[in-house]
Amino acid sequence: MISTSDAILLGSSMYPANDGASWVSKDGSCGCALGRAYLAAGGVVPTDRTVCAADICDIWPWLKAEDVMNEISEMFCGVVGGHLTMDELVDFVASREPAALEATIESPWQRMVRGA
């Protein structure tokens, strides 16, 4: 599975940005940072409703925690407004992804190997 940060970067090169008012446009032609990531990861735009947060969390369950989706959405508005770059948003997401967090936590095995 593609990481959220990689999907945001990929999606930003594949689809135009919307104004941040919705995850993905009804026709699937544009979206916010997470909406474009959803599309880039193979997410499908339902015919009977709009893409919702639950659809995105089906791909990346870690986004359910701690209002991360809202933080990313607010940062995307900063990108649209010219106050942040997409790279800054991607770096933020990469720092919060489970793999990044796990890499900063030393396991008991790692402590034993280094002799602590």
PDB file of N, CA and C in Angstrom:
ATOM      1  N   MET A   1       0.853  -1.188   0.000  1.00  0.00           N
ATOM      2  CA  MET A   1       0.000   0.000   0.000  1.00  0.00           C
ATOM      3  C   MET A   1       0.892   1.243   0.000  1.00  0.00           C
ATOM      4  N   ILE A   2       0.485   2.230  -0.737  1.00  0.00           N
ATOM      5  CA  ILE A   2       1.216   3.494  -0.810  1.00  0.00           C
ATOM      6  C   ILE A   2       0.985   4.289   0.477  1.00  0.00           C
ATOM      7  N   SER A   3       2.022   4.944   0.942  1.00  0.00           N
ATOM      8  CA  SER A   3       1.877   5.758   2.152  1.00  0.00           C
ATOM      9  C   SER A   3       1.006   6.975   1.840  1.00  0.00           C
ATOM     10  N   THR A   4       0.437   7.540   2.868  1.00  0.00           N
ATOM     11  CA  THR A   4      -0.414   8.706   2.694  1.00  0.00           C
ATOM     12  C   THR A   4       0.375   9.870   2.106  1.00  0.00           C
ATOM     13  N   SER A   5       1.569  10.095   2.633  1.00  0.00           N
ATOM     14  CA  SER A   5       2.367  11.222   2.145  1.00  0.00           C
ATOM     15  C   SER A   5       2.750  11.033   0.674  1.00  0.00           C
ATOM     16  N   ASP A   6       3.127   9.819   0.298  1.00  0.00           N
ATOM     17  CA  ASP A   6       3.457   9.558  -1.111  1.00  0.00           C
ATOM     18  C   ASP A   6       2.229   9.722  -1.999  1.00  0.00           C
ATOM     19  N   ALA A   7       1.077   9.285  -1.516  1.00  0.00           N
ATOM     20  CA  ALA A   7      -0.153   9.421  -2.294  1.00  0.00           C
ATOM     21  C   ALA A   7      -0.542  10.888  -2.455  1.00  0.00           C
ATOM     22  N   ILE A   8      -0.315  11.702  -1.426  1.00  0.00           N
ATOM     23  CA  ILE A   8      -0.601  13.141  -1.536  1.00  0.00           C
ATOM     24  C   ILE A   8       0.289  13.749  -2.609  1.00  0.00           C
ATOM     25  N   LEU A   9       1.556  13.404  -2.577  1.00  0.00           N
ATOM     26  CA  LEU A   9       2.483  13.925  -3.574  1.00  0.00           C
ATOM     27  C   LEU A   9       2.116  13.451  -4.979  1.00  0.00           C
ATOM     28  N   LEU A  10       1.813  12.166  -5.110  1.00  0.00           N
ATOM     29  CA  LEU A  10       1.414  11.618  -6.405  1.00  0.00           C
ATOM     30  C   LEU A  10       0.115  12.260  -6.890  1.00  0.00           C
ATOM     31  N   GLY A  11      -0.864  12.333  -6.003  1.00  0.00           N
ATOM     32  CA  GLY A  11      -2.152  12.931  -6.367  1.00  0.00           C
ATOM     33  C   GLY A  11      -2.033  14.375  -6.780  1.00  0.00           C
ATOM     34  N   SER A  12      -1.108  15.107  -6.155  1.00  0.00           N
ATOM     35  CA  SER A  12      -0.949  16.523  -6.503  1.00  0.00           C
ATOM     36  C   SER A  12      -0.359  16.696  -7.900  1.00  0.00           C
ATOM     37  N   SER A  13       0.302  15.642  -8.399  1.00  0.00           N
ATOM     38  CA  SER A  13       0.831  15.715  -9.763  1.00  0.00           C
ATOM     39  C   SER A  13      -0.156  15.170 -10.800  1.00  0.00           C
ATOM     40  N   MET A  14      -1.179  14.452 -10.329  1.00  0.00           N
ATOM     41  CA  MET A  14      -2.136  13.823 -11.246  1.00  0.00           C
ATOM     42  C   MET A  14      -3.441  14.603 -11.406  1.00  0.00           C
ATOM     43  N   TYR A  15      -3.852  15.306 -10.354  1.00  0.00           N
ATOM     44  CA  TYR A  15      -5.157  15.961 -10.339  1.00  0.00           C
ATOM     45  C   TYR A  15      -5.007  17.410  -9.901  1.00  0.00           C
ATOM     46  N   PRO A  16      -5.807  18.308 -10.469  1.00  0.00           N
ATOM     47  CA  PRO A  16      -5.770  19.703 -10.014  1.00  0.00           C
ATOM     48  C   PRO A  16      -6.383  19.834  -8.618  1.00  0.00           C
ATOM     49  N   ALA A  17      -5.956  20.880  -7.927  1.00  0.00           N
ATOM     50  CA  ALA A  17      -6.487  21.145  -6.592  1.00  0.00           C
ATOM     51  C   ALA A  17      -7.846  21.812  -6.684  1.00  0.00           C
ATOM     52  N   ASN A  18      -8.697  21.486  -5.697  1.00  0.00           N
ATOM     53  CA  ASN A  18      -9.936  22.238  -5.560  1.00  0.00           C
ATOM     54  C   ASN A  18      -9.711  23.316  -4.504  1.00  0.00           C
ATOM     55  N   ASP A  19     -10.775  23.950  -4.060  1.00  0.00           N
ATOM     56  CA  ASP A  19     -10.637  25.015  -3.067  1.00  0.00           C
ATOM     57  C   ASP A  19     -10.592  24.500  -1.635  1.00  0.00           C
ATOM     58  N   GLY A  20     -10.610  23.200  -1.457  1.00  0.00           N
ATOM     59  CA  GLY A  20     -10.572  22.621  -0.122  1.00  0.00           C
ATOM     60  C   GLY A  20     -11.931  22.448   0.515  1.00  0.00           C
ATOM     61  N   ALA A  21     -12.992  22.770  -0.208  1.00  0.00           N
ATOM     62  CA  ALA A  21     -14.340  22.679   0.350  1.00  0.00           C
ATOM     63  C   ALA A  21     -14.866  21.246   0.399  1.00  0.00           C
ATOM     64  N   SER A  22     -14.280  20.356  -0.379  1.00  0.00           N
ATOM     65  CA  SER A  22     -14.701  18.953  -0.365  1.00  0.00           C
ATOM     66  C   SER A  22     -13.472  18.074  -0.567  1.00  0.00           C
ATOM     67  N   TRP A  23     -13.611  16.811  -0.198  1.00  0.00           N
ATOM     68  CA  TRP A  23     -12.495  15.880  -0.364  1.00  0.00           C
ATOM     69  C   TRP A  23     -12.170  15.696  -1.842  1.00  0.00           C
ATOM     70  N   VAL A  24     -13.219  15.414  -2.629  1.00  0.00           N
ATOM     71  CA  VAL A  24     -13.074  15.168  -4.067  1.00  0.00           C
ATOM     72  C   VAL A  24     -14.296  15.763  -4.755  1.00  0.00           C
ATOM     73  N   SER A  25     -14.093  16.334  -5.941  1.00  0.00           N
ATOM     74  CA  SER A  25     -15.242  16.841  -6.688  1.00  0.00           C
ATOM     75  C   SER A  25     -16.151  15.680  -7.071  1.00  0.00           C
ATOM     76  N   LYS A  26     -17.414  15.973  -7.320  1.00  0.00           N
ATOM     77  CA  LYS A  26     -18.388  14.913  -7.623  1.00  0.00           C
ATOM     78  C   LYS A  26     -18.011  14.107  -8.855  1.00  0.00           C
ATOM     79  N   ASP A  27     -17.305  14.738  -9.792  1.00  0.00           N
ATOM     80  CA  ASP A  27     -16.908  14.003 -10.997  1.00  0.00           C
ATOM     81  C   ASP A  27     -15.511  13.393 -10.877  1.00  0.00           C
ATOM     82  N   GLY A  28     -14.864  13.570  -9.732  1.00  0.00           N
ATOM     83  CA  GLY A  28     -13.548  12.974  -9.509  1.00  0.00           C
ATOM     84  C   GLY A  28     -12.419  13.660 -10.245  1.00  0.00           C
ATOM     85  N   SER A  29     -12.653  14.889 -10.707  1.00  0.00           N
ATOM     86  CA  SER A  29     -11.631  15.563 -11.504  1.00  0.00           C
ATOM     87  C   SER A  29     -10.621  16.359 -10.680  1.00  0.00           C
ATOM     88  N   CYS A  30     -10.965  16.689  -9.437  1.00  0.00           N
ATOM     89  CA  CYS A  30     -10.047  17.453  -8.599  1.00  0.00           C
ATOM     90  C   CYS A  30     -10.361  17.176  -7.132  1.00  0.00           C
ATOM     91  N   GLY A  31      -9.477  17.625  -6.255  1.00  0.00           N
ATOM     92  CA  GLY A  31      -9.708  17.391  -4.839  1.00  0.00           C
ATOM     93  C   GLY A  31      -8.733  18.149  -3.964  1.00  0.00           C
ATOM     94  N   CYS A  32      -8.927  17.988  -2.669  1.00  0.00           N
ATOM     95  CA  CYS A  32      -8.002  18.556  -1.703  1.00  0.00           C
ATOM     96  C   CYS A  32      -6.804  17.596  -1.595  1.00  0.00           C
ATOM     97  N   ALA A  33      -5.920  17.835  -0.662  1.00  0.00           N
ATOM     98  CA  ALA A  33      -4.733  16.982  -0.531  1.00  0.00           C
ATOM     99  C   ALA A  33      -5.117  15.523  -0.302  1.00  0.00           C
ATOM    100  N   LEU A  34      -6.011  15.262   0.648  1.00  0.00           N
ATOM    101  CA  LEU A  34      -6.397  13.883   0.939  1.00  0.00           C
ATOM    102  C   LEU A  34      -7.287  13.294  -0.143  1.00  0.00           C
ATOM    103  N   GLY A  35      -8.105  14.117  -0.759  1.00  0.00           N
ATOM    104  CA  GLY A  35      -8.957  13.643  -1.846  1.00  0.00           C
ATOM    105  C   GLY A  35      -8.142  13.207  -3.048  1.00  0.00           C
ATOM    106  N   ARG A  36      -7.143  14.002  -3.402  1.00  0.00           N
ATOM    107  CA  ARG A  36      -6.282  13.630  -4.521  1.00  0.00           C
ATOM    108  C   ARG A  36      -5.437  12.411  -4.171  1.00  0.00           C
ATOM    109  N   ALA A  37      -5.043  12.294  -2.903  1.00  0.00           N
ATOM    110  CA  ALA A  37      -4.321  11.097  -2.466  1.00  0.00           C
ATOM    111  C   ALA A  37      -5.206   9.862  -2.606  1.00  0.00           C
ATOM    112  N   TYR A  38      -6.459  10.006  -2.222  1.00  0.00           N
ATOM    113  CA  TYR A  38      -7.442   8.925  -2.338  1.00  0.00           C
ATOM    114  C   TYR A  38      -7.557   8.473  -3.787  1.00  0.00           C
ATOM    115  N   LEU A  39      -7.673   9.422  -4.696  1.00  0.00           N
ATOM    116  CA  LEU A  39      -7.779   9.087  -6.114  1.00  0.00           C
ATOM    117  C   LEU A  39      -6.503   8.420  -6.617  1.00  0.00           C
ATOM    118  N   ALA A  40      -5.350   8.957  -6.215  1.00  0.00           N
ATOM    119  CA  ALA A  40      -4.064   8.404  -6.658  1.00  0.00           C
ATOM    120  C   ALA A  40      -3.853   6.979  -6.144  1.00  0.00           C
ATOM    121  N   ALA A  41      -4.425   6.681  -4.990  1.00  0.00           N
ATOM    122  CA  ALA A  41      -4.290   5.342  -4.404  1.00  0.00           C
ATOM    123  C   ALA A  41      -5.319   4.363  -4.967  1.00  0.00           C
ATOM    124  N   GLY A  42      -6.105   4.817  -5.930  1.00  0.00           N
ATOM    125  CA  GLY A  42      -7.090   3.934  -6.559  1.00  0.00           C
ATOM    126  C   GLY A  42      -8.476   4.032  -5.990  1.00  0.00           C
ATOM    127  N   GLY A  43      -8.710   5.017  -5.113  1.00  0.00           N
ATOM    128  CA  GLY A  43     -10.039   5.214  -4.558  1.00  0.00           C
ATOM    129  C   GLY A  43     -11.037   5.550  -5.655  1.00  0.00           C
ATOM    130  N   VAL A  44     -12.242   5.080  -5.492  1.00  0.00           N
ATOM    131  CA  VAL A  44     -13.295   5.261  -6.481  1.00  0.00           C
ATOM    132  C   VAL A  44     -14.318   6.275  -5.976  1.00  0.00           C
ATOM    133  N   VAL A  45     -14.729   7.171  -6.850  1.00  0.00           N
ATOM    134  CA  VAL A  45     -15.760   8.142  -6.506  1.00  0.00           C
ATOM    135  C   VAL A  45     -17.117   7.460  -6.643  1.00  0.00           C
ATOM    136  N   PRO A  46     -17.864   7.340  -5.529  1.00  0.00           N
ATOM    137  CA  PRO A  46     -19.183   6.694  -5.597  1.00  0.00           C
ATOM    138  C   PRO A  46     -20.131   7.470  -6.508  1.00  0.00           C
ATOM    139  N   THR A  47     -21.029   6.765  -7.141  1.00  0.00           N
ATOM    140  CA  THR A  47     -21.994   7.428  -8.025  1.00  0.00           C
ATOM    141  C   THR A  47     -23.182   7.996  -7.262  1.00  0.00           C
ATOM    142  N   ASP A  48     -23.432   7.482  -6.055  1.00  0.00           N
ATOM    143  CA  ASP A  48     -24.617   7.890  -5.302  1.00  0.00           C
ATOM    144  C   ASP A  48     -24.342   8.868  -4.164  1.00  0.00           C
ATOM    145  N   ARG A  49     -23.091   9.263  -3.974  1.00  0.00           N
ATOM    146  CA  ARG A  49     -22.744  10.182  -2.890  1.00  0.00           C
ATOM    147  C   ARG A  49     -21.340  10.725  -3.135  1.00  0.00           C
ATOM    148  N   THR A  50     -20.918  11.647  -2.300  1.00  0.00           N
ATOM    149  CA  THR A  50     -19.571  12.181  -2.430  1.00  0.00           C
ATOM    150  C   THR A  50     -18.596  11.338  -1.603  1.00  0.00           C
ATOM    151  N   VAL A  51     -17.331  11.463  -1.894  1.00  0.00           N
ATOM    152  CA  VAL A  51     -16.293  10.802  -1.101  1.00  0.00           C
ATOM    153  C   VAL A  51     -16.331  11.410   0.295  1.00  0.00           C
ATOM    154  N   CYS A  52     -16.294  10.567   1.307  1.00  0.00           N
ATOM    155  CA  CYS A  52     -16.328  11.053   2.681  1.00  0.00           C
ATOM    156  C   CYS A  52     -15.061  10.631   3.428  1.00  0.00           C
ATOM    157  N   ALA A  53     -14.904  11.138   4.624  1.00  0.00           N
ATOM    158  CA  ALA A  53     -13.720  10.832   5.433  1.00  0.00           C
ATOM    159  C   ALA A  53     -13.570   9.325   5.644  1.00  0.00           C
ATOM    160  N   ALA A  54     -14.673   8.629   5.825  1.00  0.00           N
ATOM    161  CA  ALA A  54     -14.613   7.177   6.036  1.00  0.00           C
ATOM    162  C   ALA A  54     -14.009   6.461   4.831  1.00  0.00           C
ATOM    163  N   ASP A  55     -14.289   6.953   3.623  1.00  0.00           N
ATOM    164  CA  ASP A  55     -13.698   6.353   2.421  1.00  0.00           C
ATOM    165  C   ASP A  55     -12.177   6.472   2.458  1.00  0.00           C
ATOM    166  N   ILE A  56     -11.707   7.635   2.833  1.00  0.00           N
ATOM    167  CA  ILE A  56     -10.265   7.876   2.898  1.00  0.00           C
ATOM    168  C   ILE A  56      -9.644   7.047   4.017  1.00  0.00           C
ATOM    169  N   CYS A  57     -10.330   6.966   5.150  1.00  0.00           N
ATOM    170  CA  CYS A  57      -9.822   6.179   6.284  1.00  0.00           C
ATOM    171  C   CYS A  57      -9.841   4.674   6.009  1.00  0.00           C
ATOM    172  N   ASP A  58     -10.655   4.241   5.058  1.00  0.00           N
ATOM    173  CA  ASP A  58     -10.613   2.827   4.667  1.00  0.00           C
ATOM    174  C   ASP A  58      -9.249   2.479   4.079  1.00  0.00           C
ATOM    175  N   ILE A  59      -8.611   3.438   3.429  1.00  0.00           N
ATOM    176  CA  ILE A  59      -7.278   3.203   2.867  1.00  0.00           C
ATOM    177  C   ILE A  59      -6.204   3.428   3.918  1.00  0.00           C
ATOM    178  N   TRP A  60      -6.332   4.494   4.695  1.00  0.00           N
ATOM    179  CA  TRP A  60      -5.330   4.846   5.715  1.00  0.00           C
ATOM    180  C   TRP A  60      -6.012   4.998   7.073  1.00  0.00           C
ATOM    181  N   PRO A  61      -6.241   3.893   7.775  1.00  0.00           N
ATOM    182  CA  PRO A  61      -6.955   3.946   9.064  1.00  0.00           C
ATOM    183  C   PRO A  61      -6.306   4.847  10.112  1.00  0.00           C
ATOM    184  N   TRP A  62      -5.013   5.055  10.035  1.00  0.00           N
ATOM    185  CA  TRP A  62      -4.335   5.881  11.038  1.00  0.00           C
ATOM    186  C   TRP A  62      -4.844   7.323  11.030  1.00  0.00           C
ATOM    187  N   LEU A  63      -5.472   7.747   9.933  1.00  0.00           N
ATOM    188  CA  LEU A  63      -5.982   9.112   9.855  1.00  0.00           C
ATOM    189  C   LEU A  63      -7.147   9.373  10.809  1.00  0.00           C
ATOM    190  N   LYS A  64      -7.761   8.321  11.337  1.00  0.00           N
ATOM    191  CA  LYS A  64      -8.881   8.486  12.264  1.00  0.00           C
ATOM    192  C   LYS A  64      -8.440   9.121  13.580  1.00  0.00           C
ATOM    193  N   ALA A  65      -7.179   9.003  13.901  1.00  0.00           N
ATOM    194  CA  ALA A  65      -6.679   9.435  15.209  1.00  0.00           C
ATOM    195  C   ALA A  65      -6.459  10.943  15.282  1.00  0.00           C
ATOM    196  N   GLU A  66      -6.793  11.482  16.414  1.00  0.00           N
ATOM    197  CA  GLU A  66      -6.381  12.824  16.835  1.00  0.00           C
ATOM    198  C   GLU A  66      -6.633  13.952  15.838  1.00  0.00           C
ATOM    199  N   ASP A  67      -7.712  13.947  15.140  1.00  0.00           N
ATOM    200  CA  ASP A  67      -8.047  15.037  14.216  1.00  0.00           C
ATOM    201  C   ASP A  67      -6.985  15.294  13.153  1.00  0.00           C
ATOM    202  N   VAL A  68      -6.231  14.271  12.789  1.00  0.00           N
ATOM    203  CA  VAL A  68      -5.193  14.431  11.789  1.00  0.00           C
ATOM    204  C   VAL A  68      -5.782  14.895  10.453  1.00  0.00           C
ATOM    205  N   MET A  69      -6.940  14.359  10.101  1.00  0.00           N
ATOM    206  CA  MET A  69      -7.553  14.762   8.829  1.00  0.00           C
ATOM    207  C   MET A  69      -7.870  16.258   8.826  1.00  0.00           C
ATOM    208  N   ASN A  70      -8.345  16.766   9.943  1.00  0.00           N
ATOM    209  CA  ASN A  70      -8.638  18.200  10.022  1.00  0.00           C
ATOM    210  C   ASN A  70      -7.364  19.031   9.918  1.00  0.00           C
ATOM    211  N   GLU A  71      -6.296  18.567  10.571  1.00  0.00           N
ATOM    212  CA  GLU A  71      -5.019  19.277  10.486  1.00  0.00           C
ATOM    213  C   GLU A  71      -4.521  19.326   9.049  1.00  0.00           C
ATOM    214  N   ILE A  72      -4.607  18.193   8.355  1.00  0.00           N
ATOM    215  CA  ILE A  72      -4.164  18.137   6.964  1.00  0.00           C
ATOM    216  C   ILE A  72      -5.034  19.046   6.108  1.00  0.00           C
ATOM    217  N   SER A  73      -6.334  19.036   6.338  1.00  0.00           N
ATOM    218  CA  SER A  73      -7.243  19.891   5.573  1.00  0.00           C
ATOM    219  C   SER A  73      -6.943  21.369   5.800  1.00  0.00           C
ATOM    220  N   GLU A  74      -6.687  21.738   7.040  1.00  0.00           N
ATOM    221  CA  GLU A  74      -6.344  23.128   7.336  1.00  0.00           C
ATOM    222  C   GLU A  74      -5.026  23.516   6.671  1.00  0.00           C
ATOM    223  N   MET A  75      -4.070  22.590   6.691  1.00  0.00           N
ATOM    224  CA  MET A  75      -2.800  22.871   6.036  1.00  0.00           C
ATOM    225  C   MET A  75      -2.985  23.004   4.524  1.00  0.00           C
ATOM    226  N   PHE A  76      -3.884  22.190   3.951  1.00  0.00           N
ATOM    227  CA  PHE A  76      -4.137  22.300   2.521  1.00  0.00           C
ATOM    228  C   PHE A  76      -4.695  23.671   2.186  1.00  0.00           C
ATOM    229  N   CYS A  77      -5.562  24.198   3.030  1.00  0.00           N
ATOM    230  CA  CYS A  77      -6.077  25.552   2.812  1.00  0.00           C
ATOM    231  C   CYS A  77      -4.925  26.559   2.837  1.00  0.00           C
ATOM    232  N   GLY A  78      -3.927  26.301   3.678  1.00  0.00           N
ATOM    233  CA  GLY A  78      -2.725  27.143   3.694  1.00  0.00           C
ATOM    234  C   GLY A  78      -1.941  27.036   2.402  1.00  0.00           C
ATOM    235  N   VAL A  79      -1.914  25.843   1.816  1.00  0.00           N
ATOM    236  CA  VAL A  79      -1.253  25.657   0.522  1.00  0.00           C
ATOM    237  C   VAL A  79      -2.000  26.442  -0.552  1.00  0.00           C
ATOM    238  N   VAL A  80      -3.326  26.286  -0.576  1.00  0.00           N
ATOM    239  CA  VAL A  80      -4.152  26.983  -1.568  1.00  0.00           C
ATOM    240  C   VAL A  80      -3.990  28.501  -1.407  1.00  0.00           C
ATOM    241  N   GLY A  81      -3.886  28.957  -0.169  1.00  0.00           N
ATOM    242  CA  GLY A  81      -3.747  30.388   0.100  1.00  0.00           C
ATOM    243  C   GLY A  81      -2.336  30.920  -0.076  1.00  0.00           C
ATOM    244  N   GLY A  82      -1.383  30.034  -0.373  1.00  0.00           N
ATOM    245  CA  GLY A  82      -0.014  30.471  -0.600  1.00  0.00           C
ATOM    246  C   GLY A  82       0.819  30.653   0.660  1.00  0.00           C
ATOM    247  N   HIS A  83       0.329  30.164   1.807  1.00  0.00           N
ATOM    248  CA  HIS A  83       1.054  30.320   3.072  1.00  0.00           C
ATOM    249  C   HIS A  83       1.957  29.126   3.370  1.00  0.00           C
ATOM    250  N   LEU A  84       1.693  28.002   2.727  1.00  0.00           N
ATOM    251  CA  LEU A  84       2.492  26.785   2.878  1.00  0.00           C
ATOM    252  C   LEU A  84       2.757  26.203   1.495  1.00  0.00           C
ATOM    253  N   THR A  85       3.757  25.357   1.422  1.00  0.00           N
ATOM    254  CA  THR A  85       3.993  24.636   0.170  1.00  0.00           C
ATOM    255  C   THR A  85       3.442  23.222   0.305  1.00  0.00           C
ATOM    256  N   MET A  86       3.220  22.584  -0.819  1.00  0.00           N
ATOM    257  CA  MET A  86       2.771  21.196  -0.795  1.00  0.00           C
ATOM    258  C   MET A  86       3.839  20.318  -0.133  1.00  0.00           C
ATOM    259  N   ASP A  87       5.102  20.635  -0.358  1.00  0.00           N
ATOM    260  CA  ASP A  87       6.181  19.866   0.274  1.00  0.00           C
ATOM    261  C   ASP A  87       6.120  19.961   1.796  1.00  0.00           C
ATOM    262  N   GLU A  88       5.771  21.127   2.323  1.00  0.00           N
ATOM    263  CA  GLU A  88       5.636  21.269   3.778  1.00  0.00           C
ATOM    264  C   GLU A  88       4.489  20.417   4.291  1.00  0.00           C
ATOM    265  N   LEU A  89       3.384  20.396   3.561  1.00  0.00           N
ATOM    266  CA  LEU A  89       2.248  19.564   3.953  1.00  0.00           C
ATOM    267  C   LEU A  89       2.646  18.088   3.908  1.00  0.00           C
ATOM    268  N   VAL A  90       3.302  17.672   2.839  1.00  0.00           N
ATOM    269  CA  VAL A  90       3.729  16.272   2.698  1.00  0.00           C
ATOM    270  C   VAL A  90       4.702  15.900   3.810  1.00  0.00           C
ATOM    271  N   ASP A  91       5.624  16.780   4.147  1.00  0.00           N
ATOM    272  CA  ASP A  91       6.568  16.507   5.234  1.00  0.00           C
ATOM    273  C   ASP A  91       5.842  16.338   6.568  1.00  0.00           C
ATOM    274  N   PHE A  92       4.827  17.168   6.807  1.00  0.00           N
ATOM    275  CA  PHE A  92       4.039  17.041   8.030  1.00  0.00           C
ATOM    276  C   PHE A  92       3.366  15.675   8.084  1.00  0.00           C
ATOM    277  N   VAL A  93       2.713  15.289   6.991  1.00  0.00           N
ATOM    278  CA  VAL A  93       2.018  13.996   6.956  1.00  0.00           C
ATOM    279  C   VAL A  93       3.014  12.858   7.142  1.00  0.00           C
ATOM    280  N   ALA A  94       4.156  12.934   6.472  1.00  0.00           N
ATOM    281  CA  ALA A  94       5.165  11.875   6.596  1.00  0.00           C
ATOM    282  C   ALA A  94       5.646  11.736   8.041  1.00  0.00           C
ATOM    283  N   SER A  95       5.710  12.844   8.757  1.00  0.00           N
ATOM    284  CA  SER A  95       6.171  12.793  10.153  1.00  0.00           C
ATOM    285  C   SER A  95       5.135  12.191  11.083  1.00  0.00           C
ATOM    286  N   ARG A  96       3.884  12.134  10.653  1.00  0.00           N
ATOM    287  CA  ARG A  96       2.804  11.597  11.475  1.00  0.00           C
ATOM    288  C   ARG A  96       2.403  10.179  11.101  1.00  0.00           C
ATOM    289  N   GLU A  97       2.836   9.699   9.957  1.00  0.00           N
ATOM    290  CA  GLU A  97       2.456   8.362   9.506  1.00  0.00           C
ATOM    291  C   GLU A  97       2.994   7.302  10.463  1.00  0.00           C
ATOM    292  N   PRO A  98       2.280   6.208  10.617  1.00  0.00           N
ATOM    293  CA  PRO A  98       2.712   5.162  11.542  1.00  0.00           C
ATOM    294  C   PRO A  98       4.146   4.689  11.316  1.00  0.00           C
ATOM    295  N   ALA A  99       4.577   4.514  10.085  1.00  0.00           N
ATOM    296  CA  ALA A  99       5.943   4.048   9.829  1.00  0.00           C
ATOM    297  C   ALA A  99       6.958   5.046  10.369  1.00  0.00           C
ATOM    298  N   ALA A 100       6.682   6.336  10.218  1.00  0.00           N
ATOM    299  CA  ALA A 100       7.590   7.359  10.723  1.00  0.00           C
ATOM    300  C   ALA A 100       7.617   7.346  12.242  1.00  0.00           C
ATOM    301  N   LEU A 101       6.451   7.164  12.856  1.00  0.00           N
ATOM    302  CA  LEU A 101       6.396   7.125  14.310  1.00  0.00           C
ATOM    303  C   LEU A 101       7.079   5.882  14.856  1.00  0.00           C
ATOM    304  N   GLU A 102       6.871   4.751  14.202  1.00  0.00           N
ATOM    305  CA  GLU A 102       7.501   3.514  14.647  1.00  0.00           C
ATOM    306  C   GLU A 102       9.016   3.597  14.546  1.00  0.00           C
ATOM    307  N   ALA A 103       9.518   4.313  13.566  1.00  0.00           N
ATOM    308  CA  ALA A 103      10.958   4.440  13.380  1.00  0.00           C
ATOM    309  C   ALA A 103      11.605   5.245  14.496  1.00  0.00           C
ATOM    310  N   THR A 104      10.816   6.063  15.196  1.00  0.00           N
ATOM    311  CA  THR A 104      11.371   6.882  16.270  1.00  0.00           C
ATOM    312  C   THR A 104      11.281   6.191  17.630  1.00  0.00           C
ATOM    313  N   ILE A 105      10.612   5.049  17.681  1.00  0.00           N
ATOM    314  CA  ILE A 105      10.453   4.318  18.939  1.00  0.00           C
ATOM    315  C   ILE A 105      11.415   3.144  18.947  1.00  0.00           C
ATOM    316  N   GLU A 106      12.277   3.121  19.931  1.00  0.00           N
ATOM    317  CA  GLU A 106      13.251   2.053  20.010  1.00  0.00           C
ATOM    318  C   GLU A 106      12.623   0.834  20.693  1.00  0.00           C
ATOM    319  N   SER A 107      12.753  -0.294  20.040  1.00  0.00           N
ATOM    320  CA  SER A 107      12.202  -1.527  20.598  1.00  0.00           C
ATOM    321  C   SER A 107      13.145  -2.084  21.660  1.00  0.00           C
ATOM    322  N   PRO A 108      12.627  -2.947  22.540  1.00  0.00           N
ATOM    323  CA  PRO A 108      13.504  -3.600  23.522  1.00  0.00           C
ATOM    324  C   PRO A 108      14.650  -4.356  22.845  1.00  0.00           C
ATOM    325  N   TRP A 109      14.371  -4.965  21.702  1.00  0.00           N
ATOM    326  CA  TRP A 109      15.420  -5.688  20.967  1.00  0.00           C
ATOM    327  C   TRP A 109      16.529  -4.723  20.533  1.00  0.00           C
ATOM    328  N   GLN A 110      16.158  -3.557  20.033  1.00  0.00           N
ATOM    329  CA  GLN A 110      17.169  -2.579  19.618  1.00  0.00           C
ATOM    330  C   GLN A 110      17.996  -2.098  20.801  1.00  0.00           C
ATOM    331  N   ARG A 111      17.358  -1.900  21.940  1.00  0.00           N
ATOM    332  CA  ARG A 111      18.107  -1.479  23.144  1.00  0.00           C
ATOM    333  C   ARG A 111      19.072  -2.575  23.559  1.00  0.00           C
ATOM    334  N   MET A 112      18.633  -3.839  23.500  1.00  0.00           N
ATOM    335  CA  MET A 112      19.490  -4.945  23.883  1.00  0.00           C
ATOM    336  C   MET A 112      20.694  -5.043  22.951  1.00  0.00           C
ATOM    337  N   VAL A 113      20.464  -4.893  21.659  1.00  0.00           N
ATOM    338  CA  VAL A 113      21.549  -5.005  20.681  1.00  0.00           C
ATOM    339  C   VAL A 113      22.591  -3.910  20.890  1.00  0.00           C
ATOM    340  N   ARG A 114      22.159  -2.710  21.207  1.00  0.00           N
ATOM    341  CA  ARG A 114      23.128  -1.635  21.391  1.00  0.00           C
ATOM    342  C   ARG A 114      23.711  -1.626  22.803  1.00  0.00           C
ATOM    343  N   GLY A 115      23.223  -2.544  23.654  1.00  0.00           N
ATOM    344  CA  GLY A 115      23.816  -2.718  24.972  1.00  0.00           C
ATOM    345  C   GLY A 115      23.344  -1.752  26.033  1.00  0.00           C
ATOM    346  N   ALA A 116      22.160  -1.227  25.883  1.00  0.00           N
ATOM    347  CA  ALA A 116      21.637  -0.282  26.882  1.00  0.00           C
ATOM    348  C   ALA A 116      20.812  -0.981  27.913  1.00  0.00           C
TER     349      ALA A 116
END
